[in-house]
Amino acid sequence: MTVTQLPRTPRAPRARTAVTAAVALLLTVVLTAPAAHADPPGVTEDSNPPVRIDPGDPDLRMVQGAKLAPSKVLNIKSIVETDDGSERRQDTNDNVTFALQAEVLFGKDSAELSPDALSRIATIAAEIKRQHATSLRVFGFTDNLGSASHGLTLSRKRANAVQQELAKDLGSSVAFQIRGYGEQYPIADNGTEEGRKKNRRVEVSFPRAGGPG
């Protein structure tokens, strides 16, 4: 009996698994205020230069054709807000910013500080001393109700009132930058009363201890 052997089917070559040894990823979080507004003029977030990475380093293996994105510094932002939203503290690598709603500081359409405002401002002054800050920014903001000129005037008066109270605790060793921006730079929708309430505010910001001055 004749036995015919069928030709053997060649085996497919075994696939190799490529393992990338190193991946470099730089993330950035922009310190800024919420997306609804840009930072007021003159308010910038200083940060240290980003770490330089050599894209030709042999230990840096990337998918063929891929390129590194521009290097940026990770700027961590921490925000703590009271339950009713009347007070917010924002910490970044470089700065501390307190935002107080106008309702907890002043009466309606007024720039005279309320009794409750004094204790809140005293708390901010204590933190300024703890951070050894010698330069402060005090900015006032309003909603978009009423005329723009009235909003500018009122926001400036309110910023001045907060600055004067801070100066009582901090003395003459601190330099102040005071601005009234009126309805500029909203942080919420002025189309609702809830949003307008958030926009009526005074912000106090200063460098963190160890951050750029």
N, C-alpha and C. Protein backbone atom coordinates (compact mmCIF):
# COMPACT_ATOMS: atom_id res chain seq x y z
N MET A 1 0.85 -1.18 0.00
CA MET A 1 0.00 0.00 0.00
C MET A 1 0.90 1.23 0.00
N THR A 2 0.52 2.17 -0.84
CA THR A 2 1.31 3.40 -0.94
C THR A 2 0.70 4.47 -0.06
N VAL A 3 1.55 5.06 0.80
CA VAL A 3 1.07 6.15 1.69
C VAL A 3 1.63 7.46 1.18
N THR A 4 0.72 8.35 0.87
CA THR A 4 1.14 9.66 0.35
C THR A 4 1.16 10.67 1.48
N GLN A 5 2.32 11.31 1.70
CA GLN A 5 2.42 12.35 2.74
C GLN A 5 2.02 13.70 2.18
N LEU A 6 1.08 14.32 2.88
CA LEU A 6 0.67 15.67 2.49
C LEU A 6 1.75 16.67 2.88
N PRO A 7 1.95 17.68 2.08
CA PRO A 7 2.96 18.70 2.43
C PRO A 7 2.61 19.38 3.74
N ARG A 8 3.59 19.61 4.56
CA ARG A 8 3.37 20.23 5.87
C ARG A 8 3.15 21.73 5.71
N THR A 9 2.12 22.20 6.40
CA THR A 9 1.82 23.64 6.35
C THR A 9 2.83 24.41 7.17
N PRO A 10 3.53 25.35 6.59
CA PRO A 10 4.54 26.09 7.36
C PRO A 10 3.91 26.87 8.51
N ARG A 11 4.59 26.87 9.63
CA ARG A 11 4.09 27.59 10.81
C ARG A 11 4.28 29.10 10.63
N ALA A 12 3.31 29.83 11.11
CA ALA A 12 3.44 31.29 11.06
C ALA A 12 4.50 31.72 12.05
N PRO A 13 5.31 32.67 11.71
CA PRO A 13 6.35 33.12 12.65
C PRO A 13 5.74 33.68 13.92
N ARG A 14 6.38 33.39 15.04
CA ARG A 14 5.88 33.83 16.34
C ARG A 14 6.02 35.36 16.44
N ALA A 15 4.89 36.00 16.82
CA ALA A 15 4.91 37.47 16.93
C ALA A 15 5.71 37.90 18.14
N ARG A 16 6.44 38.94 17.96
CA ARG A 16 7.24 39.48 19.06
C ARG A 16 6.45 40.60 19.75
N THR A 17 6.54 40.61 21.04
CA THR A 17 5.87 41.66 21.82
C THR A 17 6.88 42.72 22.20
N ALA A 18 6.62 43.93 21.74
CA ALA A 18 7.52 45.03 22.05
C ALA A 18 7.06 45.73 23.30
N VAL A 19 7.94 45.93 24.22
CA VAL A 19 7.62 46.58 25.50
C VAL A 19 8.37 47.90 25.57
N THR A 20 7.65 48.96 25.74
CA THR A 20 8.29 50.28 25.87
C THR A 20 8.85 50.43 27.28
N ALA A 21 10.12 50.73 27.35
CA ALA A 21 10.80 50.77 28.66
C ALA A 21 10.51 52.04 29.43
N ALA A 22 10.35 53.14 28.74
CA ALA A 22 10.16 54.41 29.46
C ALA A 22 9.20 55.29 28.71
N VAL A 23 8.33 55.94 29.44
CA VAL A 23 7.38 56.88 28.85
C VAL A 23 7.46 58.17 29.65
N ALA A 24 7.64 59.28 28.98
CA ALA A 24 7.70 60.58 29.66
C ALA A 24 6.41 61.32 29.41
N LEU A 25 5.78 61.77 30.47
CA LEU A 25 4.52 62.48 30.33
C LEU A 25 4.52 63.68 31.24
N LEU A 26 4.34 64.84 30.67
CA LEU A 26 4.26 66.06 31.46
C LEU A 26 2.84 66.59 31.37
N LEU A 27 2.25 66.84 32.52
CA LEU A 27 0.90 67.38 32.58
C LEU A 27 0.96 68.81 33.06
N THR A 28 -0.01 69.59 32.69
CA THR A 28 -0.10 70.95 33.20
C THR A 28 -1.51 71.26 33.63
N VAL A 29 -1.67 71.97 34.77
CA VAL A 29 -2.96 72.47 35.21
C VAL A 29 -2.82 73.98 35.30
N VAL A 30 -3.55 74.72 34.49
CA VAL A 30 -3.42 76.17 34.45
C VAL A 30 -4.13 76.77 35.66
N LEU A 31 -3.33 77.69 36.44
CA LEU A 31 -3.91 78.38 37.56
C LEU A 31 -4.63 79.61 37.16
N THR A 32 -5.64 79.43 37.13
CA THR A 32 -6.37 80.59 36.76
C THR A 32 -7.68 80.54 37.44
N ALA A 33 -8.37 81.44 37.18
CA ALA A 33 -9.70 81.47 37.70
C ALA A 33 -10.56 80.57 36.88
N PRO A 34 -11.84 80.33 37.26
CA PRO A 34 -12.70 79.46 36.48
C PRO A 34 -12.81 79.91 35.05
N ALA A 35 -13.28 78.98 34.20
CA ALA A 35 -13.28 79.22 32.76
C ALA A 35 -14.15 80.40 32.35
N ALA A 36 -15.05 80.84 33.23
CA ALA A 36 -15.96 81.91 32.85
C ALA A 36 -15.27 83.25 32.69
N HIS A 37 -14.01 83.40 33.20
CA HIS A 37 -13.37 84.69 33.06
C HIS A 37 -11.86 84.54 33.03
N ALA A 38 -11.20 85.53 32.50
CA ALA A 38 -9.74 85.55 32.50
C ALA A 38 -9.26 86.27 33.75
N ASP A 39 -7.98 86.10 34.07
CA ASP A 39 -7.43 86.80 35.22
C ASP A 39 -7.46 88.30 34.97
N PRO A 40 -7.71 89.10 36.02
CA PRO A 40 -7.67 90.56 35.87
C PRO A 40 -6.29 91.01 35.41
N PRO A 41 -6.21 92.16 34.74
CA PRO A 41 -4.91 92.64 34.29
C PRO A 41 -3.92 92.75 35.45
N GLY A 42 -2.69 92.32 35.21
CA GLY A 42 -1.67 92.40 36.24
C GLY A 42 -1.63 91.20 37.15
N VAL A 43 -2.59 90.26 37.04
CA VAL A 43 -2.60 89.07 37.88
C VAL A 43 -2.11 87.91 37.05
N THR A 44 -0.93 87.41 37.35
CA THR A 44 -0.37 86.28 36.63
C THR A 44 0.13 85.25 37.62
N GLU A 45 0.19 84.01 37.17
CA GLU A 45 0.72 82.94 37.99
C GLU A 45 2.17 82.71 37.63
N ASP A 46 3.11 83.11 38.51
CA ASP A 46 4.52 82.84 38.28
C ASP A 46 4.80 81.38 38.58
N SER A 47 5.73 80.77 37.86
CA SER A 47 6.11 79.40 38.14
C SER A 47 7.54 79.18 37.68
N ASN A 48 8.17 78.14 38.23
CA ASN A 48 9.53 77.82 37.89
C ASN A 48 9.61 77.27 36.47
N PRO A 49 10.80 77.36 35.82
CA PRO A 49 10.92 76.85 34.46
C PRO A 49 10.66 75.34 34.43
N PRO A 50 10.04 74.84 33.36
CA PRO A 50 9.80 73.39 33.26
C PRO A 50 11.11 72.63 33.08
N VAL A 51 11.10 71.36 33.48
CA VAL A 51 12.27 70.50 33.32
C VAL A 51 12.46 70.20 31.83
N ARG A 52 13.70 70.34 31.34
CA ARG A 52 13.98 70.08 29.93
C ARG A 52 14.20 68.59 29.72
N ILE A 53 13.60 68.05 28.67
CA ILE A 53 13.74 66.64 28.33
C ILE A 53 14.34 66.52 26.94
N ASP A 54 15.34 65.69 26.80
CA ASP A 54 15.99 65.48 25.51
C ASP A 54 15.19 64.45 24.71
N PRO A 55 14.53 64.88 23.62
CA PRO A 55 13.73 63.92 22.84
C PRO A 55 14.57 62.85 22.17
N GLY A 56 15.90 63.08 22.09
CA GLY A 56 16.77 62.09 21.47
C GLY A 56 17.39 61.12 22.46
N ASP A 57 17.01 61.23 23.74
CA ASP A 57 17.56 60.34 24.76
C ASP A 57 17.22 58.89 24.41
N PRO A 58 18.21 57.97 24.37
CA PRO A 58 17.94 56.57 24.00
C PRO A 58 17.03 55.84 24.99
N ASP A 59 16.97 56.33 26.23
CA ASP A 59 16.09 55.70 27.21
C ASP A 59 14.63 56.12 27.05
N LEU A 60 14.39 57.10 26.21
CA LEU A 60 13.03 57.58 25.96
C LEU A 60 12.52 56.92 24.69
N ARG A 61 11.67 55.92 24.83
CA ARG A 61 11.17 55.18 23.68
C ARG A 61 9.73 55.59 23.40
N MET A 62 9.50 55.99 22.18
CA MET A 62 8.17 56.45 21.79
C MET A 62 7.75 55.74 20.52
N VAL A 63 6.44 55.76 20.27
CA VAL A 63 5.91 55.19 19.05
C VAL A 63 6.52 55.92 17.86
N GLN A 64 6.83 55.19 16.83
CA GLN A 64 7.47 55.79 15.66
C GLN A 64 6.64 56.95 15.12
N GLY A 65 7.30 58.07 14.92
CA GLY A 65 6.63 59.26 14.39
C GLY A 65 6.07 60.18 15.47
N ALA A 66 6.02 59.70 16.75
CA ALA A 66 5.47 60.52 17.83
C ALA A 66 6.48 61.59 18.25
N LYS A 67 5.96 62.70 18.78
CA LYS A 67 6.80 63.79 19.24
C LYS A 67 6.36 64.22 20.64
N LEU A 68 7.31 64.73 21.41
CA LEU A 68 7.00 65.24 22.74
C LEU A 68 6.25 66.56 22.65
N ALA A 69 5.24 66.73 23.49
CA ALA A 69 4.56 68.01 23.59
C ALA A 69 5.47 69.00 24.31
N PRO A 70 5.26 70.30 24.14
CA PRO A 70 6.08 71.30 24.85
C PRO A 70 6.03 71.08 26.35
N SER A 71 7.15 71.25 27.03
CA SER A 71 7.23 71.05 28.48
C SER A 71 6.48 72.16 29.21
N LYS A 72 5.75 71.77 30.24
CA LYS A 72 5.05 72.73 31.07
C LYS A 72 5.13 72.28 32.52
N VAL A 73 4.99 73.24 33.44
CA VAL A 73 5.08 72.94 34.85
C VAL A 73 3.71 72.58 35.40
N LEU A 74 3.66 71.53 36.19
CA LEU A 74 2.43 71.13 36.85
C LEU A 74 2.13 72.13 37.97
N ASN A 75 1.05 72.86 37.86
CA ASN A 75 0.66 73.83 38.87
C ASN A 75 -0.61 73.33 39.56
N ILE A 76 -0.46 72.84 40.76
CA ILE A 76 -1.58 72.22 41.46
C ILE A 76 -2.45 73.29 42.10
N LYS A 77 -3.76 73.16 41.92
CA LYS A 77 -4.70 74.12 42.48
C LYS A 77 -5.61 73.42 43.48
N SER A 78 -5.74 74.01 44.65
CA SER A 78 -6.63 73.48 45.67
C SER A 78 -7.66 74.55 46.01
N ILE A 79 -8.94 74.17 45.99
CA ILE A 79 -10.01 75.13 46.27
C ILE A 79 -10.89 74.59 47.40
N VAL A 80 -11.07 75.41 48.43
CA VAL A 80 -11.95 75.07 49.54
C VAL A 80 -13.01 76.16 49.64
N GLU A 81 -14.27 75.74 49.69
CA GLU A 81 -15.38 76.70 49.68
C GLU A 81 -16.35 76.36 50.79
N THR A 82 -16.92 77.38 51.42
CA THR A 82 -17.94 77.14 52.44
C THR A 82 -19.20 76.55 51.80
N ASP A 83 -20.03 75.92 52.61
CA ASP A 83 -21.22 75.24 52.08
C ASP A 83 -22.14 76.19 51.33
N ASP A 84 -22.25 77.42 51.80
CA ASP A 84 -23.14 78.37 51.13
C ASP A 84 -22.43 79.16 50.03
N GLY A 85 -21.15 78.88 49.81
CA GLY A 85 -20.41 79.55 48.74
C GLY A 85 -20.03 80.98 49.04
N SER A 86 -20.22 81.41 50.28
CA SER A 86 -19.95 82.82 50.60
C SER A 86 -18.46 83.12 50.68
N GLU A 87 -17.64 82.10 50.91
CA GLU A 87 -16.20 82.31 51.02
C GLU A 87 -15.47 81.17 50.34
N ARG A 88 -14.43 81.51 49.58
CA ARG A 88 -13.66 80.50 48.86
C ARG A 88 -12.17 80.79 49.03
N ARG A 89 -11.41 79.74 49.30
CA ARG A 89 -9.95 79.87 49.36
C ARG A 89 -9.34 79.01 48.25
N GLN A 90 -8.45 79.61 47.48
CA GLN A 90 -7.78 78.90 46.39
C GLN A 90 -6.27 78.96 46.62
N ASP A 91 -5.63 77.79 46.65
CA ASP A 91 -4.18 77.71 46.81
C ASP A 91 -3.56 77.14 45.54
N THR A 92 -2.51 77.76 45.06
CA THR A 92 -1.72 77.21 43.97
C THR A 92 -0.28 77.10 44.45
N ASN A 93 0.62 76.68 43.57
CA ASN A 93 2.03 76.59 43.95
C ASN A 93 2.57 77.92 44.46
N ASP A 94 2.04 79.01 43.92
CA ASP A 94 2.64 80.32 44.15
C ASP A 94 1.80 81.27 44.99
N ASN A 95 0.47 81.16 44.91
CA ASN A 95 -0.39 82.18 45.51
C ASN A 95 -1.52 81.59 46.34
N VAL A 96 -2.02 82.43 47.24
CA VAL A 96 -3.24 82.13 48.00
C VAL A 96 -4.25 83.23 47.66
N THR A 97 -5.47 82.84 47.35
CA THR A 97 -6.51 83.82 47.02
C THR A 97 -7.76 83.54 47.84
N PHE A 98 -8.24 84.55 48.55
CA PHE A 98 -9.51 84.47 49.25
C PHE A 98 -10.54 85.28 48.46
N ALA A 99 -11.71 84.71 48.25
CA ALA A 99 -12.80 85.42 47.59
C ALA A 99 -14.00 85.44 48.54
N LEU A 100 -14.46 86.63 48.89
CA LEU A 100 -15.60 86.80 49.79
C LEU A 100 -16.76 87.44 49.03
N GLN A 101 -17.92 86.82 49.12
CA GLN A 101 -19.10 87.40 48.45
C GLN A 101 -19.47 88.70 49.14
N ALA A 102 -19.93 89.64 48.34
CA ALA A 102 -20.26 90.97 48.87
C ALA A 102 -21.32 90.90 49.96
N GLU A 103 -22.24 89.94 49.85
CA GLU A 103 -23.32 89.85 50.83
C GLU A 103 -22.83 89.61 52.25
N VAL A 104 -21.68 88.96 52.42
CA VAL A 104 -21.16 88.69 53.77
C VAL A 104 -20.28 89.84 54.26
N LEU A 105 -20.01 90.80 53.41
CA LEU A 105 -19.17 91.93 53.78
C LEU A 105 -19.94 93.24 53.90
N PHE A 106 -20.92 93.44 53.03
CA PHE A 106 -21.58 94.74 52.91
C PHE A 106 -23.10 94.57 52.82
N GLY A 107 -23.78 95.67 53.08
CA GLY A 107 -25.19 95.73 52.79
C GLY A 107 -25.41 95.94 51.30
N LYS A 108 -26.66 95.90 50.87
CA LYS A 108 -26.96 96.06 49.45
C LYS A 108 -26.53 97.44 48.96
N ASP A 109 -25.77 97.46 47.87
CA ASP A 109 -25.31 98.69 47.23
C ASP A 109 -24.51 99.57 48.20
N SER A 110 -23.81 98.93 49.15
CA SER A 110 -23.07 99.67 50.17
C SER A 110 -21.61 99.23 50.17
N ALA A 111 -20.74 100.12 50.65
CA ALA A 111 -19.33 99.80 50.81
C ALA A 111 -18.92 99.87 52.28
N GLU A 112 -19.91 99.83 53.18
CA GLU A 112 -19.64 99.84 54.61
C GLU A 112 -19.61 98.41 55.12
N LEU A 113 -18.50 98.04 55.77
CA LEU A 113 -18.33 96.67 56.23
C LEU A 113 -19.32 96.33 57.35
N SER A 114 -19.87 95.12 57.29
CA SER A 114 -20.78 94.64 58.32
C SER A 114 -19.98 94.06 59.49
N PRO A 115 -20.61 93.87 60.66
CA PRO A 115 -19.90 93.27 61.81
C PRO A 115 -19.35 91.88 61.48
N ASP A 116 -20.09 91.09 60.71
CA ASP A 116 -19.63 89.75 60.35
C ASP A 116 -18.38 89.82 59.47
N ALA A 117 -18.28 90.89 58.69
CA ALA A 117 -17.14 91.01 57.78
C ALA A 117 -15.83 91.15 58.54
N LEU A 118 -15.86 91.79 59.69
CA LEU A 118 -14.62 92.06 60.43
C LEU A 118 -13.93 90.78 60.85
N SER A 119 -14.70 89.80 61.32
CA SER A 119 -14.10 88.54 61.75
C SER A 119 -13.54 87.76 60.57
N ARG A 120 -14.22 87.82 59.43
CA ARG A 120 -13.74 87.11 58.24
C ARG A 120 -12.43 87.74 57.74
N ILE A 121 -12.38 89.06 57.74
CA ILE A 121 -11.16 89.74 57.29
C ILE A 121 -10.02 89.48 58.27
N ALA A 122 -10.33 89.40 59.55
CA ALA A 122 -9.30 89.11 60.55
C ALA A 122 -8.69 87.73 60.31
N THR A 123 -9.51 86.77 59.89
CA THR A 123 -9.01 85.43 59.58
C THR A 123 -8.04 85.47 58.40
N ILE A 124 -8.38 86.28 57.39
CA ILE A 124 -7.49 86.42 56.23
C ILE A 124 -6.18 87.08 56.65
N ALA A 125 -6.27 88.10 57.50
CA ALA A 125 -5.07 88.79 57.96
C ALA A 125 -4.15 87.83 58.71
N ALA A 126 -4.74 86.93 59.49
CA ALA A 126 -3.92 85.96 60.23
C ALA A 126 -3.19 85.03 59.27
N GLU A 127 -3.84 84.63 58.19
CA GLU A 127 -3.18 83.77 57.20
C GLU A 127 -2.09 84.53 56.46
N ILE A 128 -2.31 85.79 56.18
CA ILE A 128 -1.28 86.61 55.53
C ILE A 128 -0.03 86.68 56.40
N LYS A 129 -0.23 86.85 57.70
CA LYS A 129 0.91 86.88 58.61
C LYS A 129 1.62 85.52 58.63
N ARG A 130 0.84 84.46 58.61
CA ARG A 130 1.44 83.12 58.65
C ARG A 130 2.28 82.85 57.41
N GLN A 131 1.85 83.40 56.28
CA GLN A 131 2.58 83.21 55.03
C GLN A 131 3.70 84.24 54.86
N HIS A 132 3.80 85.18 55.80
CA HIS A 132 4.84 86.22 55.76
C HIS A 132 4.77 87.03 54.45
N ALA A 133 3.55 87.27 53.99
CA ALA A 133 3.37 88.03 52.74
C ALA A 133 3.55 89.51 53.00
N THR A 134 4.21 90.18 52.08
CA THR A 134 4.43 91.62 52.22
C THR A 134 3.80 92.41 51.06
N SER A 135 3.18 91.71 50.11
CA SER A 135 2.47 92.38 49.01
C SER A 135 1.12 91.71 48.81
N LEU A 136 0.08 92.53 48.75
CA LEU A 136 -1.29 92.01 48.65
C LEU A 136 -2.00 92.67 47.49
N ARG A 137 -2.91 91.90 46.87
CA ARG A 137 -3.81 92.46 45.87
C ARG A 137 -5.24 92.37 46.42
N VAL A 138 -5.94 93.47 46.39
CA VAL A 138 -7.33 93.51 46.85
C VAL A 138 -8.16 94.03 45.68
N PHE A 139 -8.98 93.16 45.11
CA PHE A 139 -9.76 93.50 43.92
C PHE A 139 -11.25 93.37 44.22
N GLY A 140 -12.02 94.35 43.77
CA GLY A 140 -13.46 94.30 43.94
C GLY A 140 -14.16 94.05 42.61
N PHE A 141 -15.30 93.33 42.67
CA PHE A 141 -16.08 92.98 41.48
C PHE A 141 -17.57 93.10 41.80
N THR A 142 -18.36 93.38 40.77
CA THR A 142 -19.82 93.43 40.92
C THR A 142 -20.47 92.56 39.85
N ASP A 143 -21.80 92.49 39.88
CA ASP A 143 -22.52 91.84 38.79
C ASP A 143 -22.76 92.87 37.68
N ASN A 144 -23.60 92.50 36.69
CA ASN A 144 -23.80 93.41 35.56
C ASN A 144 -25.08 94.23 35.68
N LEU A 145 -25.70 94.23 36.86
CA LEU A 145 -26.89 95.06 37.05
C LEU A 145 -26.47 96.51 37.27
N GLY A 146 -27.28 97.43 36.82
CA GLY A 146 -26.93 98.84 36.96
C GLY A 146 -25.92 99.25 35.91
N SER A 147 -25.49 100.51 35.98
CA SER A 147 -24.56 101.01 34.97
C SER A 147 -23.15 100.50 35.24
N ALA A 148 -22.37 100.44 34.17
CA ALA A 148 -20.98 99.99 34.30
C ALA A 148 -20.17 100.93 35.18
N SER A 149 -20.41 102.23 35.04
CA SER A 149 -19.65 103.21 35.83
C SER A 149 -19.96 103.08 37.32
N HIS A 150 -21.24 102.82 37.64
CA HIS A 150 -21.60 102.63 39.05
C HIS A 150 -20.92 101.39 39.61
N GLY A 151 -20.87 100.31 38.80
CA GLY A 151 -20.22 99.08 39.25
C GLY A 151 -18.74 99.28 39.50
N LEU A 152 -18.09 100.04 38.65
CA LEU A 152 -16.66 100.31 38.84
C LEU A 152 -16.41 101.08 40.13
N THR A 153 -17.24 102.09 40.37
CA THR A 153 -17.08 102.92 41.57
C THR A 153 -17.33 102.09 42.83
N LEU A 154 -18.42 101.32 42.83
CA LEU A 154 -18.78 100.52 44.00
C LEU A 154 -17.72 99.46 44.29
N SER A 155 -17.25 98.79 43.24
CA SER A 155 -16.26 97.74 43.45
C SER A 155 -14.96 98.31 44.00
N ARG A 156 -14.58 99.50 43.57
CA ARG A 156 -13.37 100.13 44.08
C ARG A 156 -13.55 100.52 45.54
N LYS A 157 -14.68 101.08 45.90
CA LYS A 157 -14.94 101.46 47.29
C LYS A 157 -14.91 100.24 48.21
N ARG A 158 -15.47 99.13 47.73
CA ARG A 158 -15.49 97.91 48.54
C ARG A 158 -14.08 97.34 48.71
N ALA A 159 -13.29 97.39 47.64
CA ALA A 159 -11.90 96.93 47.75
C ALA A 159 -11.13 97.81 48.74
N ASN A 160 -11.38 99.12 48.69
CA ASN A 160 -10.72 100.03 49.63
C ASN A 160 -11.11 99.73 51.08
N ALA A 161 -12.38 99.42 51.29
CA ALA A 161 -12.85 99.14 52.65
C ALA A 161 -12.17 97.89 53.22
N VAL A 162 -12.03 96.86 52.40
CA VAL A 162 -11.36 95.63 52.86
C VAL A 162 -9.87 95.90 53.09
N GLN A 163 -9.25 96.67 52.21
CA GLN A 163 -7.83 96.99 52.38
C GLN A 163 -7.58 97.75 53.68
N GLN A 164 -8.43 98.71 53.96
CA GLN A 164 -8.25 99.51 55.17
C GLN A 164 -8.38 98.67 56.43
N GLU A 165 -9.28 97.70 56.41
CA GLU A 165 -9.44 96.82 57.57
C GLU A 165 -8.24 95.89 57.70
N LEU A 166 -7.74 95.39 56.59
CA LEU A 166 -6.55 94.55 56.64
C LEU A 166 -5.35 95.33 57.17
N ALA A 167 -5.23 96.58 56.75
CA ALA A 167 -4.09 97.40 57.15
C ALA A 167 -4.05 97.62 58.66
N LYS A 168 -5.22 97.59 59.31
CA LYS A 168 -5.26 97.75 60.77
C LYS A 168 -4.52 96.61 61.46
N ASP A 169 -4.64 95.40 60.89
CA ASP A 169 -3.98 94.23 61.47
C ASP A 169 -2.54 94.07 61.00
N LEU A 170 -2.28 94.47 59.76
CA LEU A 170 -0.99 94.16 59.15
C LEU A 170 0.03 95.29 59.26
N GLY A 171 -0.43 96.51 59.52
CA GLY A 171 0.49 97.63 59.66
C GLY A 171 1.01 98.13 58.33
N SER A 172 2.06 98.90 58.38
CA SER A 172 2.59 99.57 57.19
C SER A 172 3.64 98.76 56.44
N SER A 173 3.93 97.56 56.91
CA SER A 173 4.98 96.76 56.26
C SER A 173 4.48 96.03 55.02
N VAL A 174 3.18 96.13 54.75
CA VAL A 174 2.58 95.43 53.61
C VAL A 174 2.21 96.43 52.53
N ALA A 175 2.57 96.11 51.28
CA ALA A 175 2.21 96.96 50.14
C ALA A 175 0.93 96.42 49.50
N PHE A 176 0.00 97.31 49.20
CA PHE A 176 -1.29 96.92 48.64
C PHE A 176 -1.43 97.37 47.20
N GLN A 177 -2.04 96.51 46.40
CA GLN A 177 -2.49 96.88 45.06
C GLN A 177 -4.00 96.76 45.06
N ILE A 178 -4.68 97.86 44.82
CA ILE A 178 -6.15 97.90 44.95
C ILE A 178 -6.76 98.21 43.59
N ARG A 179 -7.78 97.45 43.22
CA ARG A 179 -8.46 97.66 41.95
C ARG A 179 -9.96 97.43 42.11
N GLY A 180 -10.73 98.19 41.36
CA GLY A 180 -12.16 97.95 41.25
C GLY A 180 -12.49 97.65 39.80
N TYR A 181 -12.98 96.45 39.52
CA TYR A 181 -13.20 96.03 38.14
C TYR A 181 -14.68 96.00 37.73
N GLY A 182 -15.56 96.35 38.66
CA GLY A 182 -16.97 96.36 38.30
C GLY A 182 -17.45 95.01 37.81
N GLU A 183 -18.15 95.01 36.68
CA GLU A 183 -18.72 93.77 36.15
C GLU A 183 -17.74 92.96 35.32
N GLN A 184 -16.50 93.44 35.17
CA GLN A 184 -15.51 92.70 34.40
C GLN A 184 -15.10 91.42 35.14
N TYR A 185 -14.67 90.43 34.40
CA TYR A 185 -14.15 89.17 34.94
C TYR A 185 -15.16 88.43 35.82
N PRO A 186 -16.36 88.15 35.31
CA PRO A 186 -17.31 87.34 36.10
C PRO A 186 -16.80 85.91 36.23
N ILE A 187 -17.16 85.25 37.33
CA ILE A 187 -16.81 83.85 37.54
C ILE A 187 -18.03 82.95 37.40
N ALA A 188 -19.19 83.55 37.14
CA ALA A 188 -20.43 82.78 36.99
C ALA A 188 -21.34 83.51 36.02
N ASP A 189 -22.46 82.89 35.70
CA ASP A 189 -23.40 83.45 34.73
C ASP A 189 -24.19 84.60 35.35
N ASN A 190 -24.09 85.77 34.77
CA ASN A 190 -24.85 86.91 35.26
C ASN A 190 -26.33 86.83 34.90
N GLY A 191 -26.72 85.79 34.17
CA GLY A 191 -28.13 85.64 33.78
C GLY A 191 -29.00 85.10 34.89
N THR A 192 -28.41 84.66 36.00
CA THR A 192 -29.18 84.14 37.13
C THR A 192 -28.75 84.87 38.40
N GLU A 193 -29.65 84.93 39.38
CA GLU A 193 -29.31 85.58 40.64
C GLU A 193 -28.22 84.81 41.37
N GLU A 194 -28.23 83.50 41.27
CA GLU A 194 -27.17 82.70 41.89
C GLU A 194 -25.80 83.06 41.31
N GLY A 195 -25.76 83.22 39.99
CA GLY A 195 -24.51 83.59 39.35
C GLY A 195 -24.08 85.00 39.71
N ARG A 196 -25.03 85.94 39.71
CA ARG A 196 -24.70 87.32 40.06
C ARG A 196 -24.18 87.42 41.49
N LYS A 197 -24.72 86.60 42.37
CA LYS A 197 -24.27 86.60 43.77
C LYS A 197 -22.80 86.20 43.86
N LYS A 198 -22.39 85.23 43.05
CA LYS A 198 -20.98 84.81 43.05
C LYS A 198 -20.08 85.89 42.46
N ASN A 199 -20.61 86.63 41.50
CA ASN A 199 -19.80 87.66 40.86
C ASN A 199 -19.60 88.89 41.74
N ARG A 200 -20.52 89.15 42.65
CA ARG A 200 -20.37 90.27 43.59
C ARG A 200 -19.42 89.82 44.71
N ARG A 201 -18.16 90.24 44.60
CA ARG A 201 -17.17 89.68 45.52
C ARG A 201 -15.98 90.62 45.68
N VAL A 202 -15.18 90.36 46.70
CA VAL A 202 -13.86 90.99 46.88
C VAL A 202 -12.84 89.87 47.01
N GLU A 203 -11.76 89.96 46.24
CA GLU A 203 -10.71 88.95 46.27
C GLU A 203 -9.45 89.55 46.90
N VAL A 204 -8.85 88.77 47.79
CA VAL A 204 -7.57 89.13 48.41
C VAL A 204 -6.57 88.04 48.05
N SER A 205 -5.49 88.39 47.39
CA SER A 205 -4.49 87.38 46.99
C SER A 205 -3.09 87.85 47.38
N PHE A 206 -2.24 86.87 47.63
CA PHE A 206 -0.86 87.15 48.06
C PHE A 206 0.00 85.92 47.81
N PRO A 207 1.33 86.11 47.71
CA PRO A 207 2.22 84.98 47.45
C PRO A 207 2.26 84.00 48.63
N ARG A 208 2.37 82.72 48.29
CA ARG A 208 2.56 81.71 49.32
C ARG A 208 3.99 81.80 49.88
N ALA A 209 4.15 81.37 51.10
CA ALA A 209 5.49 81.32 51.68
C ALA A 209 6.38 80.40 50.84
N GLY A 210 7.53 80.90 50.43
CA GLY A 210 8.43 80.10 49.61
C GLY A 210 8.18 80.23 48.12
N GLY A 211 7.05 80.84 47.74
CA GLY A 211 6.76 81.04 46.32
C GLY A 211 7.39 82.31 45.82
N PRO A 212 7.30 82.57 44.49
CA PRO A 212 7.87 83.81 43.95
C PRO A 212 7.20 85.02 44.58
N GLY A 213 7.95 86.04 44.86
CA GLY A 213 7.39 87.25 45.48
C GLY A 213 6.82 88.16 44.48
